[in-house]
Amino acid sequence: MSRRLIALAASAGLVSFAAHAADFGTLDADGSGGLSFAEIQSAAPGVSAEEFAAADVDGSGELSRAEFQAWKSASAEPRE
């Protein structure tokens, strides 16, 4: 299910190129081990709260490294 949501977001063009190109460690400004909405927006100001929530599969309020990697991977997949 989570990959479907991420793939849906990517196919809708919701993943920003800036966030896709950014490194997790660089974006994790506070060193919490997760990426907050504010940290994602620092690299991709166009990302909406809804887009972030779709990538935040576990609903923790932060993207884990795995969620971020899945989000990046989904955005790199060819769109139909």
Foldseek 3Di string as FASTA:
>chain_A
DLLVLLLVCLLVVQDDPQLLPDDPVVLPVVPPQFHAPVSSCVRPVVHDPVSVCSLCVVNPRTHHPVSSVSNSVSNPDDHD
